[in-house]
Amino acid sequence: RVKLLWGQKKKQLEDLNYCREERKSLREMAERLADKYEEAKEKQEDIMNRMKKVLRSFHSQLPVLSDTEKDMKKELQTIHDQLQHLSNAIRQVKMKKEYQQKQMEKGRSPRKPSISLSAYQSKCIQAVLREEGEHIREMVKQINDIRSHVNF
């Protein structure tokens, strides 16, 4: 029975030594992991600080519009809206013109149109239409010049 107890004691001492070695090994590994964690945390902080610095630099380089530039932007937007409106109006006029031409072609018959204009009235109407066309062309040219100037 004493031999058996001595054998058990010897086995327990061996197990105890093994556990101590394992504990020592685990502590060393925990220290290494803690060191790696600290290094990773420091690197992350460095990277975050660099990112903040880059973002501050980026934001400081963004252009800030002055009041006159903001006013010019509003004016250009207004001109753009007017140009869209004029474009729609021109498109509608063209559609009406085509429709009227089709109606005229359909209605061509020996009968005379209900409205007859004298040569002078016809010339006056043509002159007014010509002037309005020129005015529209000039406005479109000015708008395009402004657009090209703003877009550089």
N, C-alpha and C. Protein backbone atom coordinates (compact mmCIF):
# COMPACT_ATOMS: atom_id res chain seq x y z
N ARG A 1 0.82 -1.16 0.00
CA ARG A 1 0.00 0.00 0.00
C ARG A 1 0.88 1.26 0.00
N VAL A 2 1.99 1.26 0.71
CA VAL A 2 2.91 2.39 0.75
C VAL A 2 3.47 2.63 -0.64
N LYS A 3 3.82 1.56 -1.33
CA LYS A 3 4.33 1.69 -2.70
C LYS A 3 3.31 2.37 -3.59
N LEU A 4 2.08 1.97 -3.41
CA LEU A 4 1.01 2.55 -4.21
C LEU A 4 0.89 4.04 -3.92
N LEU A 5 0.94 4.42 -2.64
CA LEU A 5 0.85 5.82 -2.28
C LEU A 5 2.06 6.59 -2.79
N TRP A 6 3.27 5.98 -2.69
CA TRP A 6 4.47 6.62 -3.23
C TRP A 6 4.33 6.81 -4.74
N GLY A 7 3.81 5.89 -5.41
CA GLY A 7 3.60 5.99 -6.86
C GLY A 7 2.61 7.10 -7.20
N GLN A 8 1.55 7.17 -6.40
CA GLN A 8 0.58 8.23 -6.63
C GLN A 8 1.18 9.60 -6.36
N LYS A 9 1.98 9.67 -5.24
CA LYS A 9 2.63 10.94 -4.91
C LYS A 9 3.57 11.36 -6.03
N LYS A 10 4.35 10.40 -6.53
CA LYS A 10 5.29 10.69 -7.61
C LYS A 10 4.53 11.18 -8.85
N LYS A 11 3.44 10.52 -9.15
CA LYS A 11 2.62 10.90 -10.31
C LYS A 11 2.05 12.30 -10.10
N GLN A 12 1.56 12.61 -8.89
CA GLN A 12 1.01 13.93 -8.61
C GLN A 12 2.07 15.01 -8.71
N LEU A 13 3.30 14.71 -8.23
CA LEU A 13 4.40 15.67 -8.33
C LEU A 13 4.75 15.92 -9.80
N GLU A 14 4.76 14.86 -10.59
CA GLU A 14 5.02 15.04 -12.03
C GLU A 14 3.93 15.90 -12.67
N ASP A 15 2.68 15.62 -12.30
CA ASP A 15 1.56 16.41 -12.83
C ASP A 15 1.66 17.86 -12.38
N LEU A 16 2.07 18.06 -11.10
CA LEU A 16 2.22 19.40 -10.57
C LEU A 16 3.31 20.15 -11.32
N ASN A 17 4.44 19.50 -11.58
CA ASN A 17 5.53 20.14 -12.35
C ASN A 17 5.06 20.46 -13.77
N TYR A 18 4.32 19.53 -14.37
CA TYR A 18 3.80 19.77 -15.72
C TYR A 18 2.86 20.98 -15.71
N CYS A 19 1.99 21.06 -14.69
CA CYS A 19 1.05 22.20 -14.60
C CYS A 19 1.81 23.50 -14.41
N ARG A 20 2.88 23.49 -13.57
CA ARG A 20 3.68 24.70 -13.37
C ARG A 20 4.32 25.15 -14.68
N GLU A 21 4.87 24.19 -15.42
CA GLU A 21 5.49 24.52 -16.71
C GLU A 21 4.44 25.08 -17.68
N GLU A 22 3.27 24.47 -17.69
CA GLU A 22 2.20 24.96 -18.56
C GLU A 22 1.77 26.37 -18.15
N ARG A 23 1.65 26.60 -16.83
CA ARG A 23 1.28 27.92 -16.34
C ARG A 23 2.33 28.95 -16.74
N LYS A 24 3.59 28.59 -16.60
CA LYS A 24 4.69 29.49 -17.00
C LYS A 24 4.61 29.77 -18.50
N SER A 25 4.39 28.73 -19.28
CA SER A 25 4.29 28.88 -20.74
C SER A 25 3.09 29.76 -21.10
N LEU A 26 1.97 29.54 -20.42
CA LEU A 26 0.77 30.34 -20.69
C LEU A 26 0.98 31.80 -20.30
N ARG A 27 1.67 32.05 -19.20
CA ARG A 27 1.96 33.43 -18.80
C ARG A 27 2.83 34.12 -19.84
N GLU A 28 3.85 33.40 -20.31
CA GLU A 28 4.73 33.99 -21.33
C GLU A 28 3.93 34.30 -22.60
N MET A 29 3.07 33.37 -22.97
CA MET A 29 2.25 33.58 -24.16
C MET A 29 1.30 34.76 -23.94
N ALA A 30 0.73 34.87 -22.74
CA ALA A 30 -0.17 35.98 -22.44
C ALA A 30 0.58 37.30 -22.49
N GLU A 31 1.82 37.32 -22.00
CA GLU A 31 2.63 38.54 -22.07
C GLU A 31 2.92 38.92 -23.51
N ARG A 32 3.26 37.93 -24.33
CA ARG A 32 3.51 38.21 -25.75
C ARG A 32 2.25 38.75 -26.43
N LEU A 33 1.12 38.12 -26.12
CA LEU A 33 -0.14 38.59 -26.71
C LEU A 33 -0.47 40.00 -26.22
N ALA A 34 -0.23 40.28 -24.96
CA ALA A 34 -0.49 41.62 -24.43
C ALA A 34 0.42 42.64 -25.13
N ASP A 35 1.69 42.27 -25.35
CA ASP A 35 2.61 43.16 -26.06
C ASP A 35 2.12 43.40 -27.49
N LYS A 36 1.72 42.33 -28.16
CA LYS A 36 1.22 42.47 -29.53
C LYS A 36 -0.04 43.34 -29.56
N TYR A 37 -0.90 43.15 -28.56
CA TYR A 37 -2.12 43.95 -28.47
C TYR A 37 -1.78 45.42 -28.30
N GLU A 38 -0.85 45.72 -27.42
CA GLU A 38 -0.44 47.11 -27.19
C GLU A 38 0.15 47.70 -28.47
N GLU A 39 0.99 46.94 -29.17
CA GLU A 39 1.58 47.42 -30.42
C GLU A 39 0.48 47.70 -31.45
N ALA A 40 -0.46 46.76 -31.57
CA ALA A 40 -1.55 46.94 -32.53
C ALA A 40 -2.40 48.15 -32.17
N LYS A 41 -2.64 48.33 -30.86
CA LYS A 41 -3.43 49.48 -30.42
C LYS A 41 -2.70 50.78 -30.73
N GLU A 42 -1.39 50.82 -30.50
CA GLU A 42 -0.60 52.02 -30.81
C GLU A 42 -0.61 52.30 -32.32
N LYS A 43 -0.45 51.24 -33.11
CA LYS A 43 -0.48 51.41 -34.57
C LYS A 43 -1.84 51.95 -35.01
N GLN A 44 -2.90 51.41 -34.42
CA GLN A 44 -4.24 51.87 -34.78
C GLN A 44 -4.41 53.34 -34.42
N GLU A 45 -3.94 53.74 -33.25
CA GLU A 45 -4.02 55.15 -32.86
C GLU A 45 -3.22 56.03 -33.81
N ASP A 46 -2.02 55.56 -34.18
CA ASP A 46 -1.21 56.32 -35.14
C ASP A 46 -1.95 56.48 -36.47
N ILE A 47 -2.53 55.39 -36.94
CA ILE A 47 -3.25 55.44 -38.21
C ILE A 47 -4.45 56.37 -38.10
N MET A 48 -5.17 56.28 -36.98
CA MET A 48 -6.34 57.16 -36.80
C MET A 48 -5.91 58.63 -36.77
N ASN A 49 -4.80 58.92 -36.09
CA ASN A 49 -4.31 60.30 -36.05
C ASN A 49 -3.91 60.78 -37.44
N ARG A 50 -3.27 59.90 -38.20
CA ARG A 50 -2.89 60.26 -39.57
C ARG A 50 -4.12 60.50 -40.42
N MET A 51 -5.15 59.64 -40.26
CA MET A 51 -6.38 59.82 -41.02
C MET A 51 -7.05 61.15 -40.66
N LYS A 52 -7.07 61.48 -39.35
CA LYS A 52 -7.66 62.75 -38.94
C LYS A 52 -6.89 63.91 -39.55
N LYS A 53 -5.57 63.80 -39.56
CA LYS A 53 -4.73 64.86 -40.13
C LYS A 53 -5.01 65.02 -41.62
N VAL A 54 -5.12 63.89 -42.33
CA VAL A 54 -5.41 63.93 -43.77
C VAL A 54 -6.78 64.56 -44.01
N LEU A 55 -7.77 64.17 -43.22
CA LEU A 55 -9.12 64.74 -43.39
C LEU A 55 -9.13 66.23 -43.10
N ARG A 56 -8.42 66.66 -42.04
CA ARG A 56 -8.35 68.10 -41.76
C ARG A 56 -7.69 68.83 -42.92
N SER A 57 -6.62 68.24 -43.44
CA SER A 57 -5.93 68.86 -44.57
C SER A 57 -6.85 68.94 -45.78
N PHE A 58 -7.58 67.86 -46.02
CA PHE A 58 -8.51 67.83 -47.16
C PHE A 58 -9.59 68.89 -47.00
N HIS A 59 -10.17 68.98 -45.80
CA HIS A 59 -11.22 69.97 -45.57
C HIS A 59 -10.69 71.39 -45.65
N SER A 60 -9.46 71.59 -45.24
CA SER A 60 -8.92 72.95 -45.31
C SER A 60 -8.66 73.37 -46.76
N GLN A 61 -8.51 72.41 -47.66
CA GLN A 61 -8.24 72.73 -49.06
C GLN A 61 -9.51 72.87 -49.88
N LEU A 62 -10.67 72.53 -49.29
CA LEU A 62 -11.93 72.68 -50.02
C LEU A 62 -12.20 74.16 -50.26
N PRO A 63 -12.64 74.49 -51.47
CA PRO A 63 -12.91 75.90 -51.75
C PRO A 63 -14.16 76.37 -50.99
N VAL A 64 -14.08 77.57 -50.49
CA VAL A 64 -15.21 78.19 -49.81
C VAL A 64 -15.72 79.30 -50.71
N LEU A 65 -16.99 79.24 -51.04
CA LEU A 65 -17.56 80.22 -51.95
C LEU A 65 -17.84 81.53 -51.22
N SER A 66 -17.45 82.62 -51.84
CA SER A 66 -17.76 83.93 -51.27
C SER A 66 -19.22 84.26 -51.57
N ASP A 67 -19.70 85.34 -50.97
CA ASP A 67 -21.10 85.73 -51.19
C ASP A 67 -21.37 86.05 -52.65
N THR A 68 -20.42 86.73 -53.30
CA THR A 68 -20.62 87.06 -54.72
C THR A 68 -20.63 85.79 -55.57
N GLU A 69 -19.78 84.83 -55.19
CA GLU A 69 -19.78 83.57 -55.95
C GLU A 69 -21.10 82.82 -55.74
N LYS A 70 -21.61 82.87 -54.52
CA LYS A 70 -22.91 82.23 -54.26
C LYS A 70 -24.01 82.92 -55.05
N ASP A 71 -23.96 84.27 -55.08
CA ASP A 71 -24.94 85.01 -55.87
C ASP A 71 -24.84 84.66 -57.35
N MET A 72 -23.60 84.56 -57.84
CA MET A 72 -23.38 84.20 -59.25
C MET A 72 -23.92 82.80 -59.52
N LYS A 73 -23.72 81.90 -58.58
CA LYS A 73 -24.23 80.54 -58.74
C LYS A 73 -25.76 80.55 -58.83
N LYS A 74 -26.40 81.34 -57.95
CA LYS A 74 -27.86 81.45 -58.00
C LYS A 74 -28.31 82.04 -59.33
N GLU A 75 -27.60 83.06 -59.77
CA GLU A 75 -27.95 83.71 -61.04
C GLU A 75 -27.80 82.72 -62.20
N LEU A 76 -26.71 81.95 -62.17
CA LEU A 76 -26.52 80.96 -63.23
C LEU A 76 -27.61 79.89 -63.20
N GLN A 77 -28.01 79.50 -62.00
CA GLN A 77 -29.09 78.53 -61.89
C GLN A 77 -30.38 79.11 -62.45
N THR A 78 -30.63 80.38 -62.17
CA THR A 78 -31.82 81.05 -62.70
C THR A 78 -31.76 81.10 -64.22
N ILE A 79 -30.58 81.45 -64.75
CA ILE A 79 -30.41 81.50 -66.20
C ILE A 79 -30.62 80.12 -66.80
N HIS A 80 -30.08 79.11 -66.13
CA HIS A 80 -30.25 77.74 -66.61
C HIS A 80 -31.74 77.37 -66.64
N ASP A 81 -32.46 77.73 -65.58
CA ASP A 81 -33.90 77.45 -65.54
C ASP A 81 -34.63 78.19 -66.66
N GLN A 82 -34.24 79.44 -66.88
CA GLN A 82 -34.86 80.22 -67.96
C GLN A 82 -34.55 79.58 -69.32
N LEU A 83 -33.32 79.11 -69.46
CA LEU A 83 -32.94 78.46 -70.72
C LEU A 83 -33.78 77.21 -70.95
N GLN A 84 -34.00 76.45 -69.89
CA GLN A 84 -34.86 75.27 -70.01
C GLN A 84 -36.27 75.68 -70.41
N HIS A 85 -36.76 76.73 -69.79
CA HIS A 85 -38.10 77.22 -70.11
C HIS A 85 -38.17 77.66 -71.57
N LEU A 86 -37.16 78.43 -72.01
CA LEU A 86 -37.13 78.87 -73.41
C LEU A 86 -37.03 77.68 -74.36
N SER A 87 -36.23 76.71 -73.98
CA SER A 87 -36.09 75.52 -74.82
C SER A 87 -37.44 74.81 -74.96
N ASN A 88 -38.16 74.69 -73.85
CA ASN A 88 -39.49 74.08 -73.91
C ASN A 88 -40.44 74.91 -74.77
N ALA A 89 -40.36 76.23 -74.62
CA ALA A 89 -41.22 77.11 -75.42
C ALA A 89 -40.91 76.97 -76.90
N ILE A 90 -39.62 76.92 -77.25
CA ILE A 90 -39.22 76.75 -78.65
C ILE A 90 -39.72 75.42 -79.19
N ARG A 91 -39.60 74.37 -78.36
CA ARG A 91 -40.07 73.06 -78.80
C ARG A 91 -41.57 73.09 -79.04
N GLN A 92 -42.32 73.75 -78.17
CA GLN A 92 -43.76 73.86 -78.35
C GLN A 92 -44.11 74.65 -79.60
N VAL A 93 -43.37 75.73 -79.84
CA VAL A 93 -43.62 76.54 -81.04
C VAL A 93 -43.37 75.70 -82.29
N LYS A 94 -42.29 74.92 -82.28
CA LYS A 94 -41.98 74.07 -83.45
C LYS A 94 -43.09 73.05 -83.66
N MET A 95 -43.56 72.46 -82.55
CA MET A 95 -44.63 71.48 -82.68
C MET A 95 -45.90 72.13 -83.23
N LYS A 96 -46.21 73.33 -82.76
CA LYS A 96 -47.38 74.05 -83.26
C LYS A 96 -47.22 74.38 -84.73
N LYS A 97 -46.01 74.78 -85.10
CA LYS A 97 -45.74 75.12 -86.50
C LYS A 97 -45.94 73.90 -87.39
N GLU A 98 -45.39 72.75 -86.95
CA GLU A 98 -45.57 71.52 -87.72
C GLU A 98 -47.05 71.16 -87.83
N TYR A 99 -47.75 71.28 -86.72
CA TYR A 99 -49.17 70.97 -86.72
C TYR A 99 -49.93 71.88 -87.69
N GLN A 100 -49.61 73.16 -87.63
CA GLN A 100 -50.28 74.11 -88.52
C GLN A 100 -49.94 73.83 -89.98
N GLN A 101 -48.68 73.45 -90.24
CA GLN A 101 -48.32 73.12 -91.63
C GLN A 101 -49.09 71.91 -92.11
N LYS A 102 -49.23 70.92 -91.23
CA LYS A 102 -50.00 69.73 -91.61
C LYS A 102 -51.46 70.11 -91.88
N GLN A 103 -51.99 70.96 -91.01
CA GLN A 103 -53.37 71.39 -91.19
C GLN A 103 -53.53 72.18 -92.48
N MET A 104 -52.51 72.99 -92.78
CA MET A 104 -52.56 73.77 -94.02
C MET A 104 -52.52 72.85 -95.23
N GLU A 105 -51.67 71.81 -95.15
CA GLU A 105 -51.58 70.89 -96.28
C GLU A 105 -52.89 70.12 -96.45
N LYS A 106 -53.50 69.74 -95.34
CA LYS A 106 -54.77 69.03 -95.40
C LYS A 106 -55.86 69.94 -95.95
N GLY A 107 -55.81 71.17 -95.52
CA GLY A 107 -56.88 72.10 -95.87
C GLY A 107 -56.69 72.80 -97.20
N ARG A 108 -55.63 72.49 -97.91
CA ARG A 108 -55.41 73.17 -99.20
C ARG A 108 -56.51 72.77 -100.16
N SER A 109 -57.22 73.72 -100.50
CA SER A 109 -58.31 73.49 -101.45
C SER A 109 -58.47 74.79 -102.22
N PRO A 110 -59.32 74.78 -103.20
CA PRO A 110 -59.48 75.99 -103.99
C PRO A 110 -59.95 77.18 -103.16
N ARG A 111 -60.56 76.93 -102.01
CA ARG A 111 -61.05 78.07 -101.24
C ARG A 111 -59.89 78.84 -100.65
N LYS A 112 -60.10 80.09 -100.40
CA LYS A 112 -59.06 80.96 -99.87
C LYS A 112 -59.07 80.86 -98.35
N PRO A 113 -57.90 81.12 -97.75
CA PRO A 113 -57.88 81.12 -96.28
C PRO A 113 -58.76 82.25 -95.76
N SER A 114 -59.27 82.07 -94.57
CA SER A 114 -60.20 83.05 -94.03
C SER A 114 -59.51 84.38 -93.72
N ILE A 115 -58.20 84.34 -93.45
CA ILE A 115 -57.48 85.58 -93.18
C ILE A 115 -56.57 85.86 -94.36
N SER A 116 -56.70 87.03 -94.90
CA SER A 116 -55.77 87.40 -95.97
C SER A 116 -55.05 88.66 -95.52
N LEU A 117 -53.75 88.66 -95.71
CA LEU A 117 -52.92 89.78 -95.28
C LEU A 117 -52.42 90.54 -96.50
N SER A 118 -52.30 91.80 -96.31
CA SER A 118 -51.72 92.59 -97.39
C SER A 118 -50.21 92.37 -97.39
N ALA A 119 -49.57 92.78 -98.43
CA ALA A 119 -48.12 92.60 -98.54
C ALA A 119 -47.41 93.34 -97.42
N TYR A 120 -47.90 94.53 -97.07
CA TYR A 120 -47.29 95.32 -96.00
C TYR A 120 -47.42 94.60 -94.66
N GLN A 121 -48.61 94.05 -94.38
CA GLN A 121 -48.82 93.33 -93.12
C GLN A 121 -47.92 92.10 -93.06
N SER A 122 -47.82 91.41 -94.17
CA SER A 122 -46.96 90.23 -94.23
C SER A 122 -45.51 90.60 -93.95
N LYS A 123 -45.04 91.71 -94.57
CA LYS A 123 -43.66 92.15 -94.34
C LYS A 123 -43.45 92.53 -92.88
N CYS A 124 -44.42 93.21 -92.29
CA CYS A 124 -44.31 93.62 -90.88
C CYS A 124 -44.22 92.40 -89.97
N ILE A 125 -45.06 91.42 -90.21
CA ILE A 125 -45.04 90.21 -89.39
C ILE A 125 -43.71 89.49 -89.54
N GLN A 126 -43.24 89.39 -90.79
CA GLN A 126 -41.95 88.74 -91.01
C GLN A 126 -40.82 89.49 -90.32
N ALA A 127 -40.85 90.80 -90.36
CA ALA A 127 -39.81 91.61 -89.70
C ALA A 127 -39.84 91.39 -88.19
N VAL A 128 -41.04 91.39 -87.61
CA VAL A 128 -41.15 91.17 -86.16
C VAL A 128 -40.64 89.78 -85.79
N LEU A 129 -41.03 88.78 -86.58
CA LEU A 129 -40.57 87.42 -86.31
C LEU A 129 -39.05 87.32 -86.44
N ARG A 130 -38.49 87.99 -87.45
CA ARG A 130 -37.04 87.99 -87.64
C ARG A 130 -36.35 88.62 -86.43
N GLU A 131 -36.87 89.77 -85.97
CA GLU A 131 -36.28 90.45 -84.81
C GLU A 131 -36.35 89.57 -83.56
N GLU A 132 -37.48 88.94 -83.35
CA GLU A 132 -37.63 88.06 -82.18
C GLU A 132 -36.67 86.87 -82.28
N GLY A 133 -36.53 86.32 -83.48
CA GLY A 133 -35.59 85.21 -83.68
C GLY A 133 -34.17 85.63 -83.37
N GLU A 134 -33.79 86.83 -83.83
CA GLU A 134 -32.45 87.35 -83.55
C GLU A 134 -32.27 87.56 -82.05
N HIS A 135 -33.29 88.09 -81.41
CA HIS A 135 -33.23 88.33 -79.96
C HIS A 135 -33.03 87.01 -79.22
N ILE A 136 -33.79 86.00 -79.61
CA ILE A 136 -33.66 84.68 -78.98
C ILE A 136 -32.26 84.12 -79.22
N ARG A 137 -31.74 84.24 -80.46
CA ARG A 137 -30.39 83.75 -80.76
C ARG A 137 -29.35 84.44 -79.89
N GLU A 138 -29.49 85.77 -79.74
CA GLU A 138 -28.54 86.52 -78.91
C GLU A 138 -28.59 86.05 -77.46
N MET A 139 -29.81 85.84 -76.95
CA MET A 139 -29.95 85.38 -75.56
C MET A 139 -29.33 84.01 -75.38
N VAL A 140 -29.57 83.10 -76.32
CA VAL A 140 -28.99 81.76 -76.25
C VAL A 140 -27.47 81.85 -76.31
N LYS A 141 -26.94 82.73 -77.17
CA LYS A 141 -25.49 82.90 -77.27
C LYS A 141 -24.92 83.42 -75.96
N GLN A 142 -25.59 84.41 -75.36
CA GLN A 142 -25.12 84.96 -74.08
C GLN A 142 -25.13 83.88 -72.99
N ILE A 143 -26.19 83.11 -72.96
CA ILE A 143 -26.28 82.04 -71.96
C ILE A 143 -25.17 81.03 -72.17
N ASN A 144 -24.93 80.64 -73.41
CA ASN A 144 -23.86 79.68 -73.69
C ASN A 144 -22.50 80.26 -73.33
N ASP A 145 -22.29 81.56 -73.60
CA ASP A 145 -21.02 82.21 -73.22
C ASP A 145 -20.85 82.18 -71.71
N ILE A 146 -21.91 82.49 -70.99
CA ILE A 146 -21.83 82.48 -69.52
C ILE A 146 -21.55 81.07 -69.03
N ARG A 147 -22.22 80.10 -69.62
CA ARG A 147 -21.97 78.70 -69.23
C ARG A 147 -20.52 78.31 -69.47
N SER A 148 -20.00 78.64 -70.64
CA SER A 148 -18.61 78.26 -70.93
C SER A 148 -17.65 79.02 -70.02
N HIS A 149 -17.98 80.24 -69.67
CA HIS A 149 -17.12 81.02 -68.76
C HIS A 149 -17.13 80.41 -67.36
N VAL A 150 -18.30 79.95 -66.90
CA VAL A 150 -18.40 79.37 -65.56
C VAL A 150 -17.76 77.99 -65.53
N ASN A 151 -17.95 77.21 -66.56
CA ASN A 151 -17.39 75.86 -66.59
C ASN A 151 -15.90 75.84 -66.91
N PHE A 152 -15.36 76.97 -67.35
CA PHE A 152 -13.95 77.11 -67.74
C PHE A 152 -13.64 76.10 -68.79
